[in-house]
C-alpha cells in the first residue's frame, strides 16, 4: 500500500482564538465559509465537537451538478488549541490553533488522498482556509 504524503496549510487570522474557535466549529458559521471556490457552497453542517463525536458538512456545486458529504469522527478536542479527526475514508486531519494576542494562527495537516495531485489538494484546502480568514475578519 502506497503511503500518501501529508499536506499542511496555514493562515493567520486577525481575531482572538476564542472567536476563531467558535467560527471554525459552529455549523451556522461553517456554512458561510466552507467552500474552496465561489461556485461551491456548504448548504448544511452538523458538528458534535467532542472525542468520538461526528461532523458532516454537505459540499455542493451551486449549479447542483455535484455534491458530497465531508464527514469525520473526532479523535482529539483540546479547547482553543487542537482538533484531530479521522475522515470517513480513514485519512487523518489535525488542526492547531496558536494564539498570539488578538491574532490566531491556524495550521491544518492532513493525509493526502490518492485521486488528485497533492499540490491540487493543498490549493483546495488553502482556498477554504482563506475563505475562513475572510469570513472571520469581516463577520466578527
C-alpha atoms as a PDB file:
ATOM      1  CA  UNK A   1       0.000   0.000   0.000  1.00  0.00           C
ATOM      2  CA  UNK A   2       1.427   3.346  -1.062  1.00  0.00           C
ATOM      3  CA  UNK A   3       1.658   5.929   1.693  1.00  0.00           C
ATOM      4  CA  UNK A   4       0.423   9.346   0.632  1.00  0.00           C
ATOM      5  CA  UNK A   5       2.217  12.467   1.811  1.00  0.00           C
ATOM      6  CA  UNK A   6       0.919  14.767   4.491  1.00  0.00           C
ATOM      7  CA  UNK A   7      -0.048  18.278   3.403  1.00  0.00           C
ATOM      8  CA  UNK A   8      -0.023  21.393   5.606  1.00  0.00           C
ATOM      9  CA  UNK A   9      -1.925  24.646   5.085  1.00  0.00           C
ATOM     10  CA  UNK A  10      -1.836  27.703   7.350  1.00  0.00           C
ATOM     11  CA  UNK A  11      -3.472  31.085   7.837  1.00  0.00           C
ATOM     12  CA  UNK A  12      -3.068  33.956  10.268  1.00  0.00           C
ATOM     13  CA  UNK A  13      -6.437  35.318  11.388  1.00  0.00           C
ATOM     14  CA  UNK A  14      -6.760  38.800  12.856  1.00  0.00           C
ATOM     15  CA  UNK A  15      -9.045  37.679  15.690  1.00  0.00           C
ATOM     16  CA  UNK A  16      -8.610  36.175  19.148  1.00  0.00           C
ATOM     17  CA  UNK A  17      -8.564  32.384  19.431  1.00  0.00           C
ATOM     18  CA  UNK A  18     -11.976  32.267  21.176  1.00  0.00           C
ATOM     19  CA  UNK A  19     -13.648  33.865  18.130  1.00  0.00           C
ATOM     20  CA  UNK A  20     -11.663  31.767  15.654  1.00  0.00           C
ATOM     21  CA  UNK A  21     -12.574  28.561  17.511  1.00  0.00           C
ATOM     22  CA  UNK A  22     -16.275  29.491  17.573  1.00  0.00           C
ATOM     23  CA  UNK A  23     -16.375  30.294  13.835  1.00  0.00           C
ATOM     24  CA  UNK A  24     -14.445  27.106  12.993  1.00  0.00           C
ATOM     25  CA  UNK A  25     -16.842  24.861  14.912  1.00  0.00           C
ATOM     26  CA  UNK A  26     -20.331  26.427  14.773  1.00  0.00           C
ATOM     27  CA  UNK A  27     -22.496  24.960  11.970  1.00  0.00           C
ATOM     28  CA  UNK A  28     -24.118  28.329  11.092  1.00  0.00           C
ATOM     29  CA  UNK A  29     -20.632  29.800  10.619  1.00  0.00           C
ATOM     30  CA  UNK A  30     -19.240  26.749   8.802  1.00  0.00           C
ATOM     31  CA  UNK A  31     -21.963  27.090   6.148  1.00  0.00           C
ATOM     32  CA  UNK A  32     -20.752  30.657   5.456  1.00  0.00           C
ATOM     33  CA  UNK A  33     -17.071  29.918   4.775  1.00  0.00           C
ATOM     34  CA  UNK A  34     -16.655  26.223   3.932  1.00  0.00           C
ATOM     35  CA  UNK A  35     -16.034  26.247   0.166  1.00  0.00           C
ATOM     36  CA  UNK A  36     -12.885  26.334  -1.955  1.00  0.00           C
ATOM     37  CA  UNK A  37     -14.453  28.277  -4.809  1.00  0.00           C
ATOM     38  CA  UNK A  38     -17.399  30.717  -5.212  1.00  0.00           C
ATOM     39  CA  UNK A  39     -19.149  28.174  -7.477  1.00  0.00           C
ATOM     40  CA  UNK A  40     -19.468  25.863  -4.436  1.00  0.00           C
ATOM     41  CA  UNK A  41     -21.278  26.180  -1.124  1.00  0.00           C
ATOM     42  CA  UNK A  42     -21.951  24.318   2.128  1.00  0.00           C
ATOM     43  CA  UNK A  43     -25.762  24.129   2.486  1.00  0.00           C
ATOM     44  CA  UNK A  44     -25.724  22.091   5.718  1.00  0.00           C
ATOM     45  CA  UNK A  45     -23.407  21.378   8.633  1.00  0.00           C
ATOM     46  CA  UNK A  46     -23.685  19.195  11.733  1.00  0.00           C
ATOM     47  CA  UNK A  47     -20.992  19.179  14.396  1.00  0.00           C
ATOM     48  CA  UNK A  48     -20.740  17.174  17.628  1.00  0.00           C
ATOM     49  CA  UNK A  49     -17.418  18.608  18.847  1.00  0.00           C
ATOM     50  CA  UNK A  50     -16.195  16.035  21.371  1.00  0.00           C
ATOM     51  CA  UNK A  51     -13.953  12.962  21.308  1.00  0.00           C
ATOM     52  CA  UNK A  52     -15.787  10.284  19.263  1.00  0.00           C
ATOM     53  CA  UNK A  53     -18.290  12.932  18.138  1.00  0.00           C
ATOM     54  CA  UNK A  54     -19.028  13.190  14.429  1.00  0.00           C
ATOM     55  CA  UNK A  55     -19.325  16.037  11.959  1.00  0.00           C
ATOM     56  CA  UNK A  56     -20.839  16.235   8.494  1.00  0.00           C
ATOM     57  CA  UNK A  57     -20.610  19.173   6.107  1.00  0.00           C
ATOM     58  CA  UNK A  58     -22.516  18.993   2.822  1.00  0.00           C
ATOM     59  CA  UNK A  59     -20.456  20.386  -0.049  1.00  0.00           C
ATOM     60  CA  UNK A  60     -22.294  21.158  -3.308  1.00  0.00           C
ATOM     61  CA  UNK A  61     -21.736  22.891  -6.595  1.00  0.00           C
ATOM     62  CA  UNK A  62     -24.113  25.860  -6.712  1.00  0.00           C
ATOM     63  CA  UNK A  63     -25.450  24.657 -10.081  1.00  0.00           C
ATOM     64  CA  UNK A  64     -26.442  21.329  -8.494  1.00  0.00           C
ATOM     65  CA  UNK A  65     -24.152  19.288 -10.748  1.00  0.00           C
ATOM     66  CA  UNK A  66     -22.198  17.614  -7.942  1.00  0.00           C
ATOM     67  CA  UNK A  67     -22.100  17.271  -4.185  1.00  0.00           C
ATOM     68  CA  UNK A  68     -20.682  15.185  -1.375  1.00  0.00           C
ATOM     69  CA  UNK A  69     -20.663  14.898   2.400  1.00  0.00           C
ATOM     70  CA  UNK A  70     -17.367  15.753   4.108  1.00  0.00           C
ATOM     71  CA  UNK A  71     -17.529  13.656   7.271  1.00  0.00           C
ATOM     72  CA  UNK A  72     -15.354  12.545  10.130  1.00  0.00           C
ATOM     73  CA  UNK A  73     -15.036  11.467  13.745  1.00  0.00           C
ATOM     74  CA  UNK A  74     -13.121  13.478  16.316  1.00  0.00           C
ATOM     75  CA  UNK A  75     -10.124  11.815  17.965  1.00  0.00           C
ATOM     76  CA  UNK A  76      -8.909  14.817  19.992  1.00  0.00           C
ATOM     77  CA  UNK A  77     -10.551  18.091  21.050  1.00  0.00           C
ATOM     78  CA  UNK A  78      -8.440  20.470  23.185  1.00  0.00           C
ATOM     79  CA  UNK A  79     -10.372  23.719  23.657  1.00  0.00           C
ATOM     80  CA  UNK A  80      -8.796  26.636  21.725  1.00  0.00           C
ATOM     81  CA  UNK A  81      -5.704  24.513  20.945  1.00  0.00           C
ATOM     82  CA  UNK A  82      -6.158  21.415  18.790  1.00  0.00           C
ATOM     83  CA  UNK A  83      -8.708  19.319  16.921  1.00  0.00           C
ATOM     84  CA  UNK A  84      -7.870  15.966  15.324  1.00  0.00           C
ATOM     85  CA  UNK A  85     -10.250  13.756  13.388  1.00  0.00           C
ATOM     86  CA  UNK A  86     -10.422  10.789  11.085  1.00  0.00           C
ATOM     87  CA  UNK A  87     -12.281  11.324   7.816  1.00  0.00           C
ATOM     88  CA  UNK A  88     -14.813   8.776   6.582  1.00  0.00           C
ATOM     89  CA  UNK A  89     -12.161   7.345   4.206  1.00  0.00           C
ATOM     90  CA  UNK A  90      -9.687   6.789   7.067  1.00  0.00           C
ATOM     91  CA  UNK A  91      -7.369   9.735   6.453  1.00  0.00           C
ATOM     92  CA  UNK A  92      -6.204  11.751   9.458  1.00  0.00           C
ATOM     93  CA  UNK A  93      -6.502  15.525   9.901  1.00  0.00           C
ATOM     94  CA  UNK A  94      -5.107  17.728  12.676  1.00  0.00           C
ATOM     95  CA  UNK A  95      -5.720  21.463  13.180  1.00  0.00           C
ATOM     96  CA  UNK A  96      -3.734  23.586  15.622  1.00  0.00           C
ATOM     97  CA  UNK A  97      -4.902  26.963  16.932  1.00  0.00           C
ATOM     98  CA  UNK A  98      -1.954  29.126  18.083  1.00  0.00           C
ATOM     99  CA  UNK A  99      -2.970  32.256  19.957  1.00  0.00           C
ATOM    100  CA  UNK A 100      -0.774  35.351  19.626  1.00  0.00           C
ATOM    101  CA  UNK A 101      -2.725  38.043  21.468  1.00  0.00           C
ATOM    102  CA  UNK A 102      -5.547  39.186  19.173  1.00  0.00           C
ATOM    103  CA  UNK A 103      -4.186  37.046  16.320  1.00  0.00           C
ATOM    104  CA  UNK A 104      -4.629  33.310  15.782  1.00  0.00           C
ATOM    105  CA  UNK A 105      -2.578  31.059  13.535  1.00  0.00           C
ATOM    106  CA  UNK A 106      -4.448  28.029  12.214  1.00  0.00           C
ATOM    107  CA  UNK A 107      -2.336  25.154  10.903  1.00  0.00           C
ATOM    108  CA  UNK A 108      -4.047  22.123   9.367  1.00  0.00           C
ATOM    109  CA  UNK A 109      -2.134  18.985   8.403  1.00  0.00           C
ATOM    110  CA  UNK A 110      -3.902  16.195   6.535  1.00  0.00           C
ATOM    111  CA  UNK A 111      -3.161  12.924   4.784  1.00  0.00           C
ATOM    112  CA  UNK A 112      -3.360  13.403   1.025  1.00  0.00           C
ATOM    113  CA  UNK A 113      -5.853  11.298  -0.912  1.00  0.00           C
ATOM    114  CA  UNK A 114      -4.806   9.244  -3.933  1.00  0.00           C
ATOM    115  CA  UNK A 115      -7.106  10.572  -6.677  1.00  0.00           C
ATOM    116  CA  UNK A 116      -5.786  14.127  -7.021  1.00  0.00           C
ATOM    117  CA  UNK A 117      -2.310  15.614  -7.179  1.00  0.00           C
ATOM    118  CA  UNK A 118      -1.110  16.681  -3.696  1.00  0.00           C
ATOM    119  CA  UNK A 119      -0.489  20.255  -4.898  1.00  0.00           C
ATOM    120  CA  UNK A 120      -4.094  20.471  -6.150  1.00  0.00           C
ATOM    121  CA  UNK A 121      -5.319  19.218  -2.762  1.00  0.00           C
ATOM    122  CA  UNK A 122      -3.151  21.771  -0.958  1.00  0.00           C
ATOM    123  CA  UNK A 123      -4.577  24.580  -3.108  1.00  0.00           C
ATOM    124  CA  UNK A 124      -8.149  23.491  -2.351  1.00  0.00           C
ATOM    125  CA  UNK A 125      -7.656  23.262   1.403  1.00  0.00           C
ATOM    126  CA  UNK A 126      -5.736  26.551   1.407  1.00  0.00           C
ATOM    127  CA  UNK A 127      -8.590  28.226  -0.500  1.00  0.00           C
ATOM    128  CA  UNK A 128     -11.080  27.052   2.144  1.00  0.00           C
ATOM    129  CA  UNK A 129      -8.788  28.357   4.885  1.00  0.00           C
ATOM    130  CA  UNK A 130      -8.504  31.693   3.058  1.00  0.00           C
ATOM    131  CA  UNK A 131     -12.326  31.876   2.888  1.00  0.00           C
ATOM    132  CA  UNK A 132     -12.409  31.200   6.624  1.00  0.00           C
ATOM    133  CA  UNK A 133      -9.941  34.045   7.257  1.00  0.00           C
ATOM    134  CA  UNK A 134     -12.002  36.471   5.149  1.00  0.00           C
ATOM    135  CA  UNK A 135     -15.231  35.412   6.855  1.00  0.00           C
ATOM    136  CA  UNK A 136     -13.923  35.763  10.417  1.00  0.00           C
ATOM    137  CA  UNK A 137     -12.179  39.082   9.781  1.00  0.00           C
ATOM    138  CA  UNK A 138     -15.308  40.592   8.197  1.00  0.00           C
ATOM    139  CA  UNK A 139     -18.077  38.989  10.302  1.00  0.00           C
ATOM    140  CA  UNK A 140     -16.620  39.275  13.807  1.00  0.00           C
END
